[in-house]
Amino acid sequence: MISNAGIYGVAAAASAVAFLVFLGWLSRVPASRRRYCYPVVAVVGFSAAMSALTSMGVAPVAGTQLTVPNILDDFVAYTVLWTVAVALANESRRMLAVAAVVPAVQVLAFNVAAIVGGVVGLVGLTVVVLGHGLIAYLLLGPIWRRAVAVPDRQRLLHWKSRNLLLFLIGMLIVYALLSVAAVFDSFVVTVLRVYIGLLIRVGFAGFLFANVGAIAVDRTELAGPAPLSASDEASTSGGD
């Protein structure tokens, strides 16, 4: 059976390959849209580095399967990916900040729960679940209602992005709760953690790259078709 270090080594290699693929893909993305792509590419590259450090046994957290690189990887990934998903709805800086802070608190709360346990652990797990509920409420409620002003194609991209993250990260939270409850052995915990992590990071990046053309980047695209002038209307009527 492959060791935990070996599993993270495979994850590091897979993430590194994906990182190089996305770097090459960037050259085919219009410069005006790359600002949405850079963060997700950075997430994949950072994950490759952190997985490599974990595979080498760097900075383990005593008494757990956690490592400092693991924690940093999650902290960066989930704050960045949620922020990008919200940015696709052309949201305000305040809402972007909320989209970054909530997952950061969730990552901190989960790791405290995994390390400390007991009542503090239960509180931490509750924060994780409530945090996901808060993000879901914001995305399905206020953010979605305001996104009506976004061009249709970009609004659809935001809709798909938010649903993808809500599902995958929701699945990750279910796994996390089961792992804290010791439902799985250490090998299964590591495999599931690595697999779901890769799916979220690489999957979201690939989805965004494949649909980056839907992002509106200038006033014409944001405003939609310009209204007809009086002369245009007259000529159109004459043509009919």
C-alpha atoms as a PDB file:
ATOM      1  CA  MET A   1       0.000   0.000   0.000  1.00  0.00           C
ATOM      2  CA  ILE A   2       1.303   3.441  -0.925  1.00  0.00           C
ATOM      3  CA  SER A   3       2.328   5.649   1.990  1.00  0.00           C
ATOM      4  CA  ASN A   4       0.757   8.992   2.866  1.00  0.00           C
ATOM      5  CA  ALA A   5       3.945  10.686   1.680  1.00  0.00           C
ATOM      6  CA  GLY A   6       3.612   8.882  -1.635  1.00  0.00           C
ATOM      7  CA  ILE A   7       0.022  10.038  -2.037  1.00  0.00           C
ATOM      8  CA  TYR A   8       1.050  13.654  -1.558  1.00  0.00           C
ATOM      9  CA  GLY A   9       3.947  13.102  -3.936  1.00  0.00           C
ATOM     10  CA  VAL A  10       1.504  11.971  -6.635  1.00  0.00           C
ATOM     11  CA  ALA A  11      -0.693  14.979  -5.879  1.00  0.00           C
ATOM     12  CA  ALA A  12       2.313  17.297  -6.185  1.00  0.00           C
ATOM     13  CA  ALA A  13       3.222  15.812  -9.567  1.00  0.00           C
ATOM     14  CA  ALA A  14      -0.352  16.006 -10.868  1.00  0.00           C
ATOM     15  CA  SER A  15      -0.722  19.607  -9.699  1.00  0.00           C
ATOM     16  CA  ALA A  16       2.624  20.558 -11.237  1.00  0.00           C
ATOM     17  CA  VAL A  17       1.609  19.102 -14.609  1.00  0.00           C
ATOM     18  CA  ALA A  18      -1.738  20.920 -14.437  1.00  0.00           C
ATOM     19  CA  PHE A  19       0.063  24.138 -13.514  1.00  0.00           C
ATOM     20  CA  LEU A  20       2.283  23.906 -16.599  1.00  0.00           C
ATOM     21  CA  VAL A  21      -0.723  23.155 -18.809  1.00  0.00           C
ATOM     22  CA  PHE A  22      -2.580  26.206 -17.509  1.00  0.00           C
ATOM     23  CA  LEU A  23       0.505  28.399 -17.950  1.00  0.00           C
ATOM     24  CA  GLY A  24       0.641  27.341 -21.589  1.00  0.00           C
ATOM     25  CA  TRP A  25      -3.103  27.901 -21.950  1.00  0.00           C
ATOM     26  CA  LEU A  26      -2.763  31.467 -20.645  1.00  0.00           C
ATOM     27  CA  SER A  27      -1.109  32.549 -23.888  1.00  0.00           C
ATOM     28  CA  ARG A  28      -4.366  31.770 -25.710  1.00  0.00           C
ATOM     29  CA  VAL A  29      -6.508  33.743 -23.263  1.00  0.00           C
ATOM     30  CA  PRO A  30      -7.137  37.391 -24.249  1.00  0.00           C
ATOM     31  CA  ALA A  31      -5.037  39.712 -22.086  1.00  0.00           C
ATOM     32  CA  SER A  32      -8.158  41.541 -20.887  1.00  0.00           C
ATOM     33  CA  ARG A  33      -9.497  38.343 -19.297  1.00  0.00           C
ATOM     34  CA  ARG A  34      -6.289  36.958 -17.805  1.00  0.00           C
ATOM     35  CA  ARG A  35      -6.808  38.742 -14.482  1.00  0.00           C
ATOM     36  CA  TYR A  36      -9.493  36.159 -13.715  1.00  0.00           C
ATOM     37  CA  CYS A  37      -7.174  33.306 -14.682  1.00  0.00           C
ATOM     38  CA  TYR A  38      -3.986  34.299 -12.867  1.00  0.00           C
ATOM     39  CA  PRO A  39      -5.398  33.636  -9.360  1.00  0.00           C
ATOM     40  CA  VAL A  40      -6.619  30.119 -10.151  1.00  0.00           C
ATOM     41  CA  VAL A  41      -3.341  29.218 -11.882  1.00  0.00           C
ATOM     42  CA  ALA A  42      -1.484  30.481  -8.813  1.00  0.00           C
ATOM     43  CA  VAL A  43      -3.688  28.272  -6.619  1.00  0.00           C
ATOM     44  CA  VAL A  44      -2.739  25.178  -8.645  1.00  0.00           C
ATOM     45  CA  GLY A  45       0.966  26.051  -8.563  1.00  0.00           C
ATOM     46  CA  PHE A  46       0.905  26.799  -4.836  1.00  0.00           C
ATOM     47  CA  SER A  47      -0.875  23.514  -4.194  1.00  0.00           C
ATOM     48  CA  ALA A  48       1.847  21.642  -6.103  1.00  0.00           C
ATOM     49  CA  ALA A  49       4.508  23.217  -3.890  1.00  0.00           C
ATOM     50  CA  MET A  50       2.625  22.592  -0.639  1.00  0.00           C
ATOM     51  CA  SER A  51       1.870  18.963  -1.570  1.00  0.00           C
ATOM     52  CA  ALA A  52       5.554  18.433  -2.324  1.00  0.00           C
ATOM     53  CA  LEU A  53       6.521  19.839   1.081  1.00  0.00           C
ATOM     54  CA  THR A  54       3.941  17.618   2.782  1.00  0.00           C
ATOM     55  CA  SER A  55       5.283  14.556   0.950  1.00  0.00           C
ATOM     56  CA  MET A  56       8.717  15.385   2.374  1.00  0.00           C
ATOM     57  CA  GLY A  57       7.318  15.520   5.907  1.00  0.00           C
ATOM     58  CA  VAL A  58       7.778  19.262   6.350  1.00  0.00           C
ATOM     59  CA  ALA A  59       6.207  20.857   9.458  1.00  0.00           C
ATOM     60  CA  PRO A  60       3.789  18.161  10.673  1.00  0.00           C
ATOM     61  CA  VAL A  61       1.253  19.102  13.335  1.00  0.00           C
ATOM     62  CA  ALA A  62       1.886  16.826  16.317  1.00  0.00           C
ATOM     63  CA  GLY A  63      -0.764  14.185  16.948  1.00  0.00           C
ATOM     64  CA  THR A  64      -2.583  14.701  13.639  1.00  0.00           C
ATOM     65  CA  GLN A  65      -2.178  14.006   9.927  1.00  0.00           C
ATOM     66  CA  LEU A  66      -2.085  17.732   9.272  1.00  0.00           C
ATOM     67  CA  THR A  67       0.961  19.688   8.184  1.00  0.00           C
ATOM     68  CA  VAL A  68       1.552  23.424   8.012  1.00  0.00           C
ATOM     69  CA  PRO A  69       1.829  23.254   4.175  1.00  0.00           C
ATOM     70  CA  ASN A  70      -1.561  21.469   4.086  1.00  0.00           C
ATOM     71  CA  ILE A  71      -3.168  24.206   6.123  1.00  0.00           C
ATOM     72  CA  LEU A  72      -1.614  26.990   4.036  1.00  0.00           C
ATOM     73  CA  ASP A  73      -2.709  25.234   0.851  1.00  0.00           C
ATOM     74  CA  ASP A  74      -6.346  25.108   1.974  1.00  0.00           C
ATOM     75  CA  PHE A  75      -6.212  28.667   3.275  1.00  0.00           C
ATOM     76  CA  VAL A  76      -5.016  30.050  -0.063  1.00  0.00           C
ATOM     77  CA  ALA A  77      -7.144  27.822  -2.297  1.00  0.00           C
ATOM     78  CA  TYR A  78     -10.565  28.363  -0.768  1.00  0.00           C
ATOM     79  CA  THR A  79     -10.193  32.101  -0.173  1.00  0.00           C
ATOM     80  CA  VAL A  80      -9.036  32.669  -3.764  1.00  0.00           C
ATOM     81  CA  LEU A  81     -11.531  30.375  -5.510  1.00  0.00           C
ATOM     82  CA  TRP A  82     -14.553  31.760  -3.690  1.00  0.00           C
ATOM     83  CA  THR A  83     -13.365  35.305  -4.402  1.00  0.00           C
ATOM     84  CA  VAL A  84     -13.041  34.557  -8.116  1.00  0.00           C
ATOM     85  CA  ALA A  85     -16.531  33.023  -8.227  1.00  0.00           C
ATOM     86  CA  VAL A  86     -17.995  36.129  -6.583  1.00  0.00           C
ATOM     87  CA  ALA A  87     -15.941  38.449  -8.815  1.00  0.00           C
ATOM     88  CA  LEU A  88     -17.651  36.878 -11.834  1.00  0.00           C
ATOM     89  CA  ALA A  89     -20.872  38.494 -10.575  1.00  0.00           C
ATOM     90  CA  ASN A  90     -19.170  41.936 -10.664  1.00  0.00           C
ATOM     91  CA  GLU A  91     -19.683  42.272  -6.910  1.00  0.00           C
ATOM     92  CA  SER A  92     -18.423  45.071  -4.678  1.00  0.00           C
ATOM     93  CA  ARG A  93     -15.096  45.010  -2.850  1.00  0.00           C
ATOM     94  CA  ARG A  94     -16.969  44.507   0.407  1.00  0.00           C
ATOM     95  CA  MET A  95     -18.583  41.311  -0.875  1.00  0.00           C
ATOM     96  CA  LEU A  96     -15.262  40.128  -2.302  1.00  0.00           C
ATOM     97  CA  ALA A  97     -13.769  40.616   1.156  1.00  0.00           C
ATOM     98  CA  VAL A  98     -16.589  38.563   2.698  1.00  0.00           C
ATOM     99  CA  ALA A  99     -15.973  35.830   0.095  1.00  0.00           C
ATOM    100  CA  ALA A 100     -12.332  35.704   1.210  1.00  0.00           C
ATOM    101  CA  VAL A 101     -12.824  35.992   4.975  1.00  0.00           C
ATOM    102  CA  VAL A 102     -15.531  33.330   5.424  1.00  0.00           C
ATOM    103  CA  PRO A 103     -13.526  30.414   3.926  1.00  0.00           C
ATOM    104  CA  ALA A 104     -10.417  31.621   5.770  1.00  0.00           C
ATOM    105  CA  VAL A 105     -12.333  31.361   9.059  1.00  0.00           C
ATOM    106  CA  GLN A 106     -13.651  27.944   8.030  1.00  0.00           C
ATOM    107  CA  VAL A 107     -10.142  26.611   7.353  1.00  0.00           C
ATOM    108  CA  LEU A 108      -8.908  27.950  10.687  1.00  0.00           C
ATOM    109  CA  ALA A 109     -11.921  26.528  12.550  1.00  0.00           C
ATOM    110  CA  PHE A 110     -11.585  23.079  10.992  1.00  0.00           C
ATOM    111  CA  ASN A 111      -7.896  22.788  11.770  1.00  0.00           C
ATOM    112  CA  VAL A 112      -8.450  23.912  15.357  1.00  0.00           C
ATOM    113  CA  ALA A 113     -11.198  21.268  15.620  1.00  0.00           C
ATOM    114  CA  ALA A 114      -8.896  18.569  14.217  1.00  0.00           C
ATOM    115  CA  ILE A 115      -6.041  19.480  16.565  1.00  0.00           C
ATOM    116  CA  VAL A 116      -7.849  20.322  19.807  1.00  0.00           C
ATOM    117  CA  GLY A 117     -10.994  18.185  19.736  1.00  0.00           C
ATOM    118  CA  GLY A 118     -13.551  18.170  22.555  1.00  0.00           C
ATOM    119  CA  VAL A 119     -15.974  21.068  22.965  1.00  0.00           C
ATOM    120  CA  VAL A 120     -13.657  23.441  21.119  1.00  0.00           C
ATOM    121  CA  GLY A 121     -13.577  20.966  18.265  1.00  0.00           C
ATOM    122  CA  LEU A 122     -17.362  20.816  18.087  1.00  0.00           C
ATOM    123  CA  VAL A 123     -17.526  24.597  18.004  1.00  0.00           C
ATOM    124  CA  GLY A 124     -14.959  24.630  15.201  1.00  0.00           C
ATOM    125  CA  LEU A 125     -16.917  22.103  13.134  1.00  0.00           C
ATOM    126  CA  THR A 126     -20.105  24.103  13.698  1.00  0.00           C
ATOM    127  CA  VAL A 127     -18.341  27.200  12.362  1.00  0.00           C
ATOM    128  CA  VAL A 128     -17.320  25.253   9.247  1.00  0.00           C
ATOM    129  CA  VAL A 129     -20.891  24.127   8.528  1.00  0.00           C
ATOM    130  CA  LEU A 130     -22.435  27.529   9.290  1.00  0.00           C
ATOM    131  CA  GLY A 131     -19.812  29.231   7.143  1.00  0.00           C
ATOM    132  CA  HIS A 132     -20.795  27.116   4.159  1.00  0.00           C
ATOM    133  CA  GLY A 133     -24.422  27.922   4.834  1.00  0.00           C
ATOM    134  CA  LEU A 134     -23.609  31.647   4.940  1.00  0.00           C
ATOM    135  CA  ILE A 135     -21.766  31.506   1.623  1.00  0.00           C
ATOM    136  CA  ALA A 136     -24.638  29.559   0.062  1.00  0.00           C
ATOM    137  CA  TYR A 137     -27.147  32.151   1.329  1.00  0.00           C
ATOM    138  CA  LEU A 138     -25.135  35.056  -0.068  1.00  0.00           C
ATOM    139  CA  LEU A 139     -24.583  33.389  -3.438  1.00  0.00           C
ATOM    140  CA  LEU A 140     -28.139  32.147  -3.874  1.00  0.00           C
ATOM    141  CA  GLY A 141     -29.706  35.300  -2.452  1.00  0.00           C
ATOM    142  CA  PRO A 142     -28.241  38.833  -2.540  1.00  0.00           C
ATOM    143  CA  ILE A 143     -25.388  38.145  -4.969  1.00  0.00           C
ATOM    144  CA  TRP A 144     -27.620  36.317  -7.447  1.00  0.00           C
ATOM    145  CA  ARG A 145     -30.271  39.042  -7.347  1.00  0.00           C
ATOM    146  CA  ARG A 146     -27.683  41.743  -8.060  1.00  0.00           C
ATOM    147  CA  ALA A 147     -26.098  39.629 -10.805  1.00  0.00           C
ATOM    148  CA  VAL A 148     -29.146  40.377 -12.982  1.00  0.00           C
ATOM    149  CA  ALA A 149     -27.162  43.412 -14.181  1.00  0.00           C
ATOM    150  CA  VAL A 150     -24.356  41.176 -15.475  1.00  0.00           C
ATOM    151  CA  PRO A 151     -24.378  40.118 -19.160  1.00  0.00           C
ATOM    152  CA  ASP A 152     -26.213  36.829 -19.649  1.00  0.00           C
ATOM    153  CA  ARG A 153     -23.196  34.705 -20.616  1.00  0.00           C
ATOM    154  CA  GLN A 154     -21.113  35.922 -17.675  1.00  0.00           C
ATOM    155  CA  ARG A 155     -24.062  35.523 -15.308  1.00  0.00           C
ATOM    156  CA  LEU A 156     -24.406  31.914 -16.470  1.00  0.00           C
ATOM    157  CA  LEU A 157     -20.663  31.385 -15.902  1.00  0.00           C
ATOM    158  CA  HIS A 158     -21.004  32.782 -12.376  1.00  0.00           C
ATOM    159  CA  TRP A 159     -24.017  30.520 -11.784  1.00  0.00           C
ATOM    160  CA  LYS A 160     -22.128  27.416 -12.893  1.00  0.00           C
ATOM    161  CA  SER A 161     -18.999  28.417 -10.932  1.00  0.00           C
ATOM    162  CA  ARG A 162     -20.863  28.970  -7.689  1.00  0.00           C
ATOM    163  CA  ASN A 163     -22.769  25.690  -8.072  1.00  0.00           C
ATOM    164  CA  LEU A 164     -19.549  23.800  -8.771  1.00  0.00           C
ATOM    165  CA  LEU A 165     -17.845  25.185  -5.671  1.00  0.00           C
ATOM    166  CA  LEU A 166     -20.909  24.784  -3.453  1.00  0.00           C
ATOM    167  CA  PHE A 167     -21.130  21.121  -4.401  1.00  0.00           C
ATOM    168  CA  LEU A 168     -17.416  20.237  -4.264  1.00  0.00           C
ATOM    169  CA  ILE A 169     -16.662  22.144  -1.082  1.00  0.00           C
ATOM    170  CA  GLY A 170     -19.863  20.814   0.476  1.00  0.00           C
ATOM    171  CA  MET A 171     -18.610  17.325  -0.334  1.00  0.00           C
ATOM    172  CA  LEU A 172     -15.258  18.231   1.222  1.00  0.00           C
ATOM    173  CA  ILE A 173     -16.983  19.367   4.424  1.00  0.00           C
ATOM    174  CA  VAL A 174     -18.922  16.093   4.662  1.00  0.00           C
ATOM    175  CA  TYR A 175     -15.662  14.184   4.242  1.00  0.00           C
ATOM    176  CA  ALA A 176     -13.995  16.385   6.866  1.00  0.00           C
ATOM    177  CA  LEU A 177     -16.737  15.728   9.402  1.00  0.00           C
ATOM    178  CA  LEU A 178     -16.508  11.976   8.793  1.00  0.00           C
ATOM    179  CA  SER A 179     -12.720  12.028   9.087  1.00  0.00           C
ATOM    180  CA  VAL A 180     -12.862  13.861  12.426  1.00  0.00           C
ATOM    181  CA  ALA A 181     -15.381  11.253  13.600  1.00  0.00           C
ATOM    182  CA  ALA A 182     -12.766   8.573  12.731  1.00  0.00           C
ATOM    183  CA  VAL A 183     -15.084   6.836  10.270  1.00  0.00           C
ATOM    184  CA  PHE A 184     -12.158   6.200   7.894  1.00  0.00           C
ATOM    185  CA  ASP A 185      -8.661   4.903   8.504  1.00  0.00           C
ATOM    186  CA  SER A 186      -5.673   7.187   7.900  1.00  0.00           C
ATOM    187  CA  PHE A 187      -5.024   5.910   4.367  1.00  0.00           C
ATOM    188  CA  VAL A 188      -8.593   6.529   3.182  1.00  0.00           C
ATOM    189  CA  VAL A 189      -8.615   9.962   4.857  1.00  0.00           C
ATOM    190  CA  THR A 190      -5.468  10.974   2.989  1.00  0.00           C
ATOM    191  CA  VAL A 191      -6.654   9.636  -0.375  1.00  0.00           C
ATOM    192  CA  LEU A 192     -10.022  11.383  -0.109  1.00  0.00           C
ATOM    193  CA  ARG A 193      -8.454  14.635   1.061  1.00  0.00           C
ATOM    194  CA  VAL A 194      -5.982  14.682  -1.815  1.00  0.00           C
ATOM    195  CA  TYR A 195      -8.527  13.599  -4.443  1.00  0.00           C
ATOM    196  CA  ILE A 196     -11.171  16.146  -3.471  1.00  0.00           C
ATOM    197  CA  GLY A 197      -8.539  18.868  -3.141  1.00  0.00           C
ATOM    198  CA  LEU A 198      -7.245  18.199  -6.656  1.00  0.00           C
ATOM    199  CA  LEU A 199     -10.768  18.063  -8.026  1.00  0.00           C
ATOM    200  CA  ILE A 200     -11.591  21.467  -6.577  1.00  0.00           C
ATOM    201  CA  ARG A 201      -8.384  23.253  -7.587  1.00  0.00           C
ATOM    202  CA  VAL A 202      -7.697  21.764 -11.011  1.00  0.00           C
ATOM    203  CA  GLY A 203     -11.363  21.252 -11.874  1.00  0.00           C
ATOM    204  CA  PHE A 204     -12.322  24.848 -11.140  1.00  0.00           C
ATOM    205  CA  ALA A 205      -9.307  26.206 -13.022  1.00  0.00           C
ATOM    206  CA  GLY A 206     -10.076  24.050 -16.063  1.00  0.00           C
ATOM    207  CA  PHE A 207     -13.731  25.077 -16.000  1.00  0.00           C
ATOM    208  CA  LEU A 208     -12.833  28.779 -15.854  1.00  0.00           C
ATOM    209  CA  PHE A 209     -10.304  28.524 -18.681  1.00  0.00           C
ATOM    210  CA  ALA A 210     -12.761  26.630 -20.878  1.00  0.00           C
ATOM    211  CA  ASN A 211     -15.406  29.342 -20.388  1.00  0.00           C
ATOM    212  CA  VAL A 212     -13.287  32.472 -20.066  1.00  0.00           C
ATOM    213  CA  GLY A 213     -14.766  33.885 -23.281  1.00  0.00           C
ATOM    214  CA  ALA A 214     -18.044  34.449 -21.425  1.00  0.00           C
ATOM    215  CA  ILE A 215     -16.482  37.173 -19.258  1.00  0.00           C
ATOM    216  CA  ALA A 216     -17.409  40.701 -20.330  1.00  0.00           C
ATOM    217  CA  VAL A 217     -14.425  43.043 -20.244  1.00  0.00           C
ATOM    218  CA  ASP A 218     -15.529  46.316 -21.835  1.00  0.00           C
ATOM    219  CA  ARG A 219     -18.417  48.715 -21.624  1.00  0.00           C
ATOM    220  CA  THR A 220     -20.051  47.404 -24.794  1.00  0.00           C
ATOM    221  CA  GLU A 221     -20.177  43.877 -23.422  1.00  0.00           C
ATOM    222  CA  LEU A 222     -21.293  45.052 -19.991  1.00  0.00           C
ATOM    223  CA  ALA A 223     -24.079  47.251 -21.310  1.00  0.00           C
ATOM    224  CA  GLY A 224     -25.338  44.913 -23.999  1.00  0.00           C
ATOM    225  CA  PRO A 225     -26.549  46.051 -27.435  1.00  0.00           C
ATOM    226  CA  ALA A 226     -26.835  49.828 -27.788  1.00  0.00           C
ATOM    227  CA  PRO A 227     -30.364  51.214 -28.204  1.00  0.00           C
ATOM    228  CA  LEU A 228     -31.421  52.366 -31.673  1.00  0.00           C
ATOM    229  CA  SER A 229     -31.232  56.085 -32.356  1.00  0.00           C
ATOM    230  CA  ALA A 230     -34.184  57.968 -33.890  1.00  0.00           C
ATOM    231  CA  SER A 231     -32.578  57.878 -37.348  1.00  0.00           C
ATOM    232  CA  ASP A 232     -31.842  54.160 -37.004  1.00  0.00           C
ATOM    233  CA  GLU A 233     -35.451  53.505 -36.043  1.00  0.00           C
ATOM    234  CA  ALA A 234     -36.664  55.520 -39.034  1.00  0.00           C
ATOM    235  CA  SER A 235     -34.392  53.692 -41.446  1.00  0.00           C
ATOM    236  CA  THR A 236     -35.425  50.373 -39.947  1.00  0.00           C
ATOM    237  CA  SER A 237     -39.092  51.267 -40.341  1.00  0.00           C
ATOM    238  CA  GLY A 238     -38.469  52.380 -43.907  1.00  0.00           C
ATOM    239  CA  GLY A 239     -36.730  49.113 -44.660  1.00  0.00           C
ATOM    240  CA  ASP A 240     -39.751  47.193 -43.420  1.00  0.00           C
END
